[in-house]
C-alpha atoms as a PDB file:
ATOM      1  CA  UNK A   1      -7.687  13.059  13.154  1.00  0.00           C
ATOM      2  CA  UNK A   2      -5.370  10.775  14.991  1.00  0.00           C
ATOM      3  CA  UNK A   3      -3.809   7.711  13.426  1.00  0.00           C
ATOM      4  CA  UNK A   4      -6.089   5.278  15.257  1.00  0.00           C
ATOM      5  CA  UNK A   5      -9.204   7.252  14.288  1.00  0.00           C
ATOM      6  CA  UNK A   6      -8.830   6.044  10.717  1.00  0.00           C
ATOM      7  CA  UNK A   7      -9.271   2.477  11.975  1.00  0.00           C
ATOM      8  CA  UNK A   8     -12.713   3.509  13.200  1.00  0.00           C
ATOM      9  CA  UNK A   9     -13.690   5.520  10.112  1.00  0.00           C
ATOM     10  CA  UNK A  10     -12.664   2.872   7.591  1.00  0.00           C
ATOM     11  CA  UNK A  11     -14.749  -0.166   8.441  1.00  0.00           C
ATOM     12  CA  UNK A  12     -13.621  -2.527   5.672  1.00  0.00           C
ATOM     13  CA  UNK A  13     -10.138  -4.081   5.991  1.00  0.00           C
ATOM     14  CA  UNK A  14      -9.895  -4.147   2.187  1.00  0.00           C
ATOM     15  CA  UNK A  15      -9.774  -0.331   2.181  1.00  0.00           C
ATOM     16  CA  UNK A  16      -6.958   0.020   4.738  1.00  0.00           C
ATOM     17  CA  UNK A  17      -3.759   1.680   3.598  1.00  0.00           C
ATOM     18  CA  UNK A  18      -0.495  -0.175   4.249  1.00  0.00           C
ATOM     19  CA  UNK A  19       0.329   1.649   7.511  1.00  0.00           C
ATOM     20  CA  UNK A  20      -3.174   0.956   8.847  1.00  0.00           C
ATOM     21  CA  UNK A  21      -2.861  -2.681   7.873  1.00  0.00           C
ATOM     22  CA  UNK A  22       0.446  -2.942   9.699  1.00  0.00           C
ATOM     23  CA  UNK A  23      -1.109  -1.275  12.746  1.00  0.00           C
ATOM     24  CA  UNK A  24      -3.787  -3.959  12.882  1.00  0.00           C
ATOM     25  CA  UNK A  25      -1.103  -6.654  13.165  1.00  0.00           C
ATOM     26  CA  UNK A  26      -0.322  -5.528  16.697  1.00  0.00           C
ATOM     27  CA  UNK A  27      -2.481  -7.555  19.034  1.00  0.00           C
ATOM     28  CA  UNK A  28      -3.541  -6.603  22.538  1.00  0.00           C
ATOM     29  CA  UNK A  29      -1.021  -8.791  24.338  1.00  0.00           C
ATOM     30  CA  UNK A  30       1.359  -9.898  21.612  1.00  0.00           C
ATOM     31  CA  UNK A  31       3.399  -8.548  18.740  1.00  0.00           C
ATOM     32  CA  UNK A  32       4.727 -10.587  15.845  1.00  0.00           C
ATOM     33  CA  UNK A  33       7.770  -8.452  15.111  1.00  0.00           C
ATOM     34  CA  UNK A  34       8.878 -10.505  12.112  1.00  0.00           C
ATOM     35  CA  UNK A  35       5.565 -10.015  10.326  1.00  0.00           C
ATOM     36  CA  UNK A  36       5.410  -6.328  11.206  1.00  0.00           C
ATOM     37  CA  UNK A  37       8.978  -5.769   9.971  1.00  0.00           C
ATOM     38  CA  UNK A  38       8.232  -7.635   6.742  1.00  0.00           C
ATOM     39  CA  UNK A  39       5.166  -5.465   6.076  1.00  0.00           C
ATOM     40  CA  UNK A  40       7.108  -2.287   6.746  1.00  0.00           C
ATOM     41  CA  UNK A  41       9.718  -3.355   4.181  1.00  0.00           C
ATOM     42  CA  UNK A  42       6.927  -4.081   1.695  1.00  0.00           C
ATOM     43  CA  UNK A  43       5.294  -0.718   2.385  1.00  0.00           C
ATOM     44  CA  UNK A  44       8.510   1.258   1.816  1.00  0.00           C
ATOM     45  CA  UNK A  45       9.454  -0.597  -1.385  1.00  0.00           C
ATOM     46  CA  UNK A  46       7.284   1.493  -3.801  1.00  0.00           C
ATOM     47  CA  UNK A  47       8.628   4.778  -2.421  1.00  0.00           C
ATOM     48  CA  UNK A  48      12.188   3.525  -2.655  1.00  0.00           C
ATOM     49  CA  UNK A  49      11.636   2.286  -6.206  1.00  0.00           C
ATOM     50  CA  UNK A  50      10.251   5.657  -7.338  1.00  0.00           C
ATOM     51  CA  UNK A  51      13.207   7.443  -5.734  1.00  0.00           C
ATOM     52  CA  UNK A  52      15.740   5.162  -7.404  1.00  0.00           C
ATOM     53  CA  UNK A  53      14.114   5.631 -10.815  1.00  0.00           C
ATOM     54  CA  UNK A  54      13.884   9.426 -10.497  1.00  0.00           C
ATOM     55  CA  UNK A  55      17.175   9.937  -8.654  1.00  0.00           C
ATOM     56  CA  UNK A  56      19.037  11.473 -11.601  1.00  0.00           C
ATOM     57  CA  UNK A  57      16.292  14.077 -12.095  1.00  0.00           C
ATOM     58  CA  UNK A  58      16.205  14.913  -8.400  1.00  0.00           C
ATOM     59  CA  UNK A  59      19.962  15.481  -8.374  1.00  0.00           C
ATOM     60  CA  UNK A  60      19.755  17.677 -11.482  1.00  0.00           C
ATOM     61  CA  UNK A  61      17.057  19.828  -9.889  1.00  0.00           C
ATOM     62  CA  UNK A  62      19.096  20.187  -6.693  1.00  0.00           C
ATOM     63  CA  UNK A  63      22.226  21.185  -8.605  1.00  0.00           C
ATOM     64  CA  UNK A  64      20.357  23.708 -10.725  1.00  0.00           C
ATOM     65  CA  UNK A  65      18.666  25.417  -7.813  1.00  0.00           C
ATOM     66  CA  UNK A  66      21.799  26.635  -6.080  1.00  0.00           C
ATOM     67  CA  UNK A  67      21.971  30.069  -4.513  1.00  0.00           C
ATOM     68  CA  UNK A  68      24.260  32.607  -6.175  1.00  0.00           C
ATOM     69  CA  UNK A  69      26.911  33.838  -3.819  1.00  0.00           C
END
């Protein structure tokens, strides 16, 4: 399925994911770039927070999985 197909399949705006919600902010003839940028920052915040919390474990896994040479 393409990205825009999910806008057709999901008929209730309450069920949209964050990227779909941001995609609906783009109008036919206008774009409110400030609002779209703000929503993209909000949508990336949970991923960034999880990475920052688990960063020490990710680094330990990377260091331990080195290739013997």
